[in-house]
Amino acid sequence: MKITINGTSTDVQADTLAMVLEELGYGAAKVATAVNESFVPMALRGQTALAPGDRIEIVTPRQGG
């Protein structure tokens, strides 16, 4: 399925947000996620179904000042 991740068109096999994160190698990493500009909390990622054309944002925390 073709979706957009952080502005880049990407083909994935997974059909939920949690499975996409696993497929992309994020595993248990602490990240913030949004689907089609709506925040998705970690507890709901496994229940969040994806469809072709969805826009996913994955944001990793940064340290610094």
N, C-alpha and C. Protein backbone atom coordinates (compact mmCIF):
# COMPACT_ATOMS: atom_id res chain seq x y z
N MET A 1 0.86 -1.17 0.00
CA MET A 1 0.00 0.00 0.00
C MET A 1 0.90 1.23 0.00
N LYS A 2 0.53 2.22 -0.76
CA LYS A 2 1.31 3.46 -0.84
C LYS A 2 0.71 4.50 0.10
N ILE A 3 1.55 4.95 1.04
CA ILE A 3 1.18 6.01 1.97
C ILE A 3 2.31 7.05 1.96
N THR A 4 2.08 8.17 2.62
CA THR A 4 3.11 9.19 2.73
C THR A 4 3.58 9.25 4.17
N ILE A 5 4.89 9.11 4.36
CA ILE A 5 5.46 9.16 5.70
C ILE A 5 6.44 10.33 5.77
N ASN A 6 6.13 11.27 6.64
CA ASN A 6 6.96 12.48 6.81
C ASN A 6 7.25 13.13 5.46
N GLY A 7 6.23 13.19 4.60
CA GLY A 7 6.34 13.87 3.32
C GLY A 7 6.91 13.05 2.18
N THR A 8 7.26 11.77 2.44
CA THR A 8 7.85 10.92 1.41
C THR A 8 6.90 9.77 1.08
N SER A 9 6.60 9.61 -0.19
CA SER A 9 5.75 8.50 -0.62
C SER A 9 6.47 7.18 -0.35
N THR A 10 5.78 6.25 0.32
CA THR A 10 6.39 5.01 0.77
C THR A 10 5.43 3.85 0.55
N ASP A 11 5.96 2.71 0.10
CA ASP A 11 5.17 1.49 -0.01
C ASP A 11 5.38 0.66 1.24
N VAL A 12 4.28 0.23 1.87
CA VAL A 12 4.35 -0.61 3.07
C VAL A 12 3.42 -1.80 2.91
N GLN A 13 3.71 -2.86 3.65
CA GLN A 13 2.86 -4.05 3.68
C GLN A 13 1.85 -3.98 4.81
N ALA A 14 2.19 -3.29 5.89
CA ALA A 14 1.38 -3.22 7.10
C ALA A 14 0.07 -2.47 6.85
N ASP A 15 -0.94 -2.79 7.68
CA ASP A 15 -2.23 -2.12 7.53
C ASP A 15 -2.70 -1.40 8.78
N THR A 16 -1.86 -1.37 9.83
CA THR A 16 -2.15 -0.54 11.00
C THR A 16 -0.93 0.32 11.29
N LEU A 17 -1.14 1.38 12.05
CA LEU A 17 -0.05 2.28 12.37
C LEU A 17 1.05 1.55 13.16
N ALA A 18 0.67 0.72 14.13
CA ALA A 18 1.66 -0.01 14.92
C ALA A 18 2.50 -0.91 14.04
N MET A 19 1.87 -1.58 13.08
CA MET A 19 2.60 -2.48 12.20
C MET A 19 3.52 -1.70 11.26
N VAL A 20 3.11 -0.53 10.82
CA VAL A 20 3.97 0.31 9.98
C VAL A 20 5.22 0.72 10.76
N LEU A 21 5.04 1.11 12.01
CA LEU A 21 6.20 1.49 12.83
C LEU A 21 7.17 0.33 12.96
N GLU A 22 6.65 -0.88 13.17
CA GLU A 22 7.51 -2.07 13.24
C GLU A 22 8.22 -2.29 11.91
N GLU A 23 7.46 -2.22 10.82
CA GLU A 23 8.02 -2.44 9.49
C GLU A 23 9.14 -1.46 9.17
N LEU A 24 9.02 -0.23 9.66
CA LEU A 24 10.01 0.80 9.39
C LEU A 24 11.17 0.79 10.37
N GLY A 25 11.13 -0.11 11.34
CA GLY A 25 12.25 -0.24 12.26
C GLY A 25 12.18 0.62 13.51
N TYR A 26 11.03 1.22 13.79
CA TYR A 26 10.90 2.02 14.99
C TYR A 26 10.71 1.16 16.24
N GLY A 27 10.15 -0.03 16.08
CA GLY A 27 9.98 -0.96 17.20
C GLY A 27 9.40 -0.28 18.42
N ALA A 28 10.15 -0.32 19.52
CA ALA A 28 9.68 0.25 20.79
C ALA A 28 10.17 1.68 21.00
N ALA A 29 10.66 2.32 19.96
CA ALA A 29 11.17 3.69 20.08
C ALA A 29 10.07 4.64 20.55
N LYS A 30 10.46 5.61 21.32
CA LYS A 30 9.52 6.63 21.78
C LYS A 30 9.34 7.66 20.67
N VAL A 31 8.19 7.65 20.03
CA VAL A 31 7.89 8.58 18.95
C VAL A 31 6.48 9.11 19.12
N ALA A 32 6.21 10.26 18.54
CA ALA A 32 4.86 10.80 18.44
C ALA A 32 4.37 10.52 17.03
N THR A 33 3.08 10.21 16.90
CA THR A 33 2.55 9.86 15.58
C THR A 33 1.25 10.60 15.29
N ALA A 34 1.03 10.84 14.01
CA ALA A 34 -0.22 11.44 13.54
C ALA A 34 -0.58 10.78 12.22
N VAL A 35 -1.88 10.61 12.00
CA VAL A 35 -2.39 10.09 10.74
C VAL A 35 -3.34 11.14 10.19
N ASN A 36 -3.07 11.57 8.98
CA ASN A 36 -3.90 12.61 8.33
C ASN A 36 -4.09 13.81 9.25
N GLU A 37 -2.99 14.23 9.88
CA GLU A 37 -2.93 15.42 10.72
C GLU A 37 -3.65 15.29 12.06
N SER A 38 -4.03 14.07 12.46
CA SER A 38 -4.66 13.84 13.76
C SER A 38 -3.72 13.01 14.62
N PHE A 39 -3.40 13.52 15.82
CA PHE A 39 -2.51 12.82 16.74
C PHE A 39 -3.08 11.44 17.08
N VAL A 40 -2.20 10.44 17.11
CA VAL A 40 -2.60 9.08 17.50
C VAL A 40 -1.75 8.67 18.70
N PRO A 41 -2.37 8.51 19.88
CA PRO A 41 -1.59 8.09 21.05
C PRO A 41 -1.09 6.65 20.90
N MET A 42 -0.02 6.34 21.61
CA MET A 42 0.59 5.02 21.51
C MET A 42 -0.42 3.91 21.76
N ALA A 43 -1.31 4.07 22.71
CA ALA A 43 -2.28 3.03 23.05
C ALA A 43 -3.24 2.70 21.91
N LEU A 44 -3.41 3.61 20.96
CA LEU A 44 -4.36 3.39 19.87
C LEU A 44 -3.71 3.01 18.54
N ARG A 45 -2.40 2.92 18.49
CA ARG A 45 -1.71 2.65 17.22
C ARG A 45 -2.09 1.29 16.63
N GLY A 46 -2.26 0.28 17.47
CA GLY A 46 -2.62 -1.05 16.98
C GLY A 46 -4.02 -1.11 16.42
N GLN A 47 -4.87 -0.19 16.82
CA GLN A 47 -6.26 -0.13 16.36
C GLN A 47 -6.45 0.85 15.21
N THR A 48 -5.41 1.57 14.86
CA THR A 48 -5.52 2.60 13.83
C THR A 48 -5.23 2.01 12.46
N ALA A 49 -6.31 1.71 11.73
CA ALA A 49 -6.18 1.13 10.39
C ALA A 49 -5.75 2.21 9.40
N LEU A 50 -4.95 1.79 8.43
CA LEU A 50 -4.47 2.71 7.40
C LEU A 50 -5.07 2.35 6.06
N ALA A 51 -5.15 3.34 5.19
CA ALA A 51 -5.68 3.15 3.83
C ALA A 51 -4.70 3.79 2.86
N PRO A 52 -4.69 3.31 1.61
CA PRO A 52 -3.81 3.93 0.62
C PRO A 52 -4.03 5.45 0.57
N GLY A 53 -2.93 6.18 0.51
CA GLY A 53 -2.99 7.64 0.43
C GLY A 53 -2.93 8.34 1.77
N ASP A 54 -3.02 7.58 2.89
CA ASP A 54 -2.93 8.22 4.20
C ASP A 54 -1.59 8.91 4.36
N ARG A 55 -1.61 9.97 5.18
CA ARG A 55 -0.39 10.74 5.47
C ARG A 55 0.00 10.51 6.94
N ILE A 56 1.16 9.95 7.14
CA ILE A 56 1.66 9.61 8.47
C ILE A 56 2.80 10.55 8.83
N GLU A 57 2.79 11.06 10.04
CA GLU A 57 3.90 11.84 10.57
C GLU A 57 4.46 11.09 11.76
N ILE A 58 5.78 10.90 11.77
CA ILE A 58 6.47 10.24 12.87
C ILE A 58 7.53 11.22 13.36
N VAL A 59 7.44 11.60 14.62
CA VAL A 59 8.35 12.59 15.19
C VAL A 59 9.09 11.96 16.35
N THR A 60 10.42 12.03 16.32
CA THR A 60 11.25 11.52 17.40
C THR A 60 11.67 12.67 18.29
N PRO A 61 11.75 12.42 19.62
CA PRO A 61 12.18 13.50 20.52
C PRO A 61 13.63 13.88 20.28
N ARG A 62 13.94 15.14 20.54
CA ARG A 62 15.31 15.63 20.36
C ARG A 62 15.76 16.28 21.64
N GLN A 63 17.03 16.14 21.92
CA GLN A 63 17.61 16.81 23.08
C GLN A 63 18.40 18.01 22.62
N GLY A 64 18.53 18.93 23.49
CA GLY A 64 19.29 20.12 23.14
C GLY A 64 18.68 21.35 23.77
N GLY A 65 19.24 22.46 23.44
CA GLY A 65 18.71 23.65 24.08
C GLY A 65 18.71 24.84 23.24
